[in-house]
Amino acid sequence: MSKEQRFMYCNSCRKEVLAQKSETQHIIHFILTIVFALLWLPIAFFYVIFWVFIALSNSSSSFKCTTCDSSNISTNLPQNP
C-alpha cells in the first residue's frame, strides 16, 4: 500500500505535523481478481467480496498525525490573534 502525506495542523498536538493516509492500489487488486477468477472461479468469488470490503473501508480512511496518531486533523491553520 502506498501512503499519501501532507503537512496539516493537528488539533491534538496544536502544531503543524506530517499527516498520512493509506491508499489501496486498485489496479493491482483488479488484475489479480481477473487472473484468479479465470483459474479459481469459486475461490475468486470470495476474494472479490473481500476486495470490495477492503476498497470501501480504505476509501473512508482519514489523515492521521504522524506524531500522536490522532485523527483530529484539519486543513486550516489556526489564526493568530
Protein backbone atom coordinates (compact mmCIF):
# COMPACT_ATOMS: atom_id res chain seq x y z
CA MET A 1 0.00 0.00 0.00
CA SER A 2 1.19 3.49 -0.75
CA LYS A 3 0.75 6.37 1.63
CA GLU A 4 -0.26 9.94 0.84
CA GLN A 5 1.48 12.51 3.02
CA ARG A 6 0.73 16.19 3.65
CA PHE A 7 1.63 18.80 6.21
CA MET A 8 -1.52 19.60 8.17
CA TYR A 9 -2.49 21.10 11.50
CA CYS A 10 -3.05 18.57 14.33
CA ASN A 11 -5.65 19.82 16.80
CA SER A 12 -4.35 17.41 19.45
CA CYS A 13 -0.66 18.39 19.13
CA ARG A 14 -1.61 22.03 18.40
CA LYS A 15 1.04 22.35 15.69
CA GLU A 16 1.66 21.64 12.03
CA VAL A 17 2.68 17.99 11.55
CA LEU A 18 3.22 15.49 8.77
CA ALA A 19 -0.06 13.59 8.31
CA GLN A 20 -0.50 10.45 6.21
CA LYS A 21 -3.20 8.10 4.99
CA SER A 22 -3.10 4.72 3.29
CA GLU A 23 -4.14 4.28 -0.31
CA THR A 24 -5.23 1.00 -1.85
CA GLN A 25 -3.75 0.09 -5.24
CA HIS A 26 -7.00 -0.79 -7.00
CA ILE A 27 -5.44 -1.68 -10.39
CA ILE A 28 -3.26 -4.43 -8.92
CA HIS A 29 -6.22 -5.83 -6.99
CA PHE A 30 -8.38 -5.75 -10.12
CA ILE A 31 -5.78 -7.60 -12.24
CA LEU A 32 -5.32 -10.24 -9.55
CA THR A 33 -9.08 -10.64 -9.32
CA ILE A 34 -9.35 -11.32 -13.07
CA VAL A 35 -6.46 -13.85 -13.02
CA PHE A 36 -7.84 -15.75 -10.06
CA ALA A 37 -11.38 -15.63 -11.44
CA LEU A 38 -10.21 -17.41 -14.58
CA LEU A 39 -8.24 -20.03 -12.67
CA TRP A 40 -10.18 -20.41 -9.46
CA LEU A 41 -13.70 -19.14 -10.02
CA PRO A 42 -15.19 -20.46 -6.74
CA ILE A 43 -12.32 -19.04 -4.66
CA ALA A 44 -12.33 -15.77 -6.64
CA PHE A 45 -15.94 -15.15 -5.65
CA PHE A 46 -14.91 -14.82 -2.00
CA TYR A 47 -11.79 -12.83 -2.97
CA VAL A 48 -13.91 -10.24 -4.81
CA ILE A 49 -16.18 -9.81 -1.80
CA PHE A 50 -13.10 -9.33 0.40
CA TRP A 51 -11.53 -6.90 -2.13
CA VAL A 52 -14.68 -4.77 -2.25
CA PHE A 53 -14.80 -4.67 1.55
CA ILE A 54 -11.14 -3.54 1.75
CA ALA A 55 -11.59 -0.96 -1.04
CA LEU A 56 -14.66 0.54 0.67
CA SER A 57 -13.07 0.61 4.12
CA ASN A 58 -9.89 2.31 2.79
CA SER A 59 -11.78 4.91 0.79
CA SER A 60 -13.07 6.40 4.03
CA SER A 61 -9.59 6.43 5.55
CA SER A 62 -8.76 9.80 7.06
CA PHE A 63 -5.45 11.53 7.62
CA LYS A 64 -3.64 10.83 10.88
CA CYS A 65 -0.98 12.79 12.73
CA THR A 66 2.41 11.05 12.47
CA THR A 67 3.40 12.46 15.88
CA CYS A 68 0.47 11.36 18.07
CA ASP A 69 -1.55 9.11 15.66
CA SER A 70 -4.63 11.30 16.20
CA SER A 71 -7.33 11.63 13.52
CA ASN A 72 -8.17 15.10 14.81
CA ILE A 73 -6.64 16.83 11.74
CA SER A 74 -7.79 19.95 9.94
CA THR A 75 -6.64 21.62 6.74
CA ASN A 76 -6.88 25.11 8.25
CA LEU A 77 -4.07 26.55 10.34
CA PRO A 78 -5.19 28.43 13.46
CA GLN A 79 -5.45 32.20 13.14
CA ASN A 80 -3.01 34.30 15.17
CA PRO A 81 -4.71 36.92 17.37
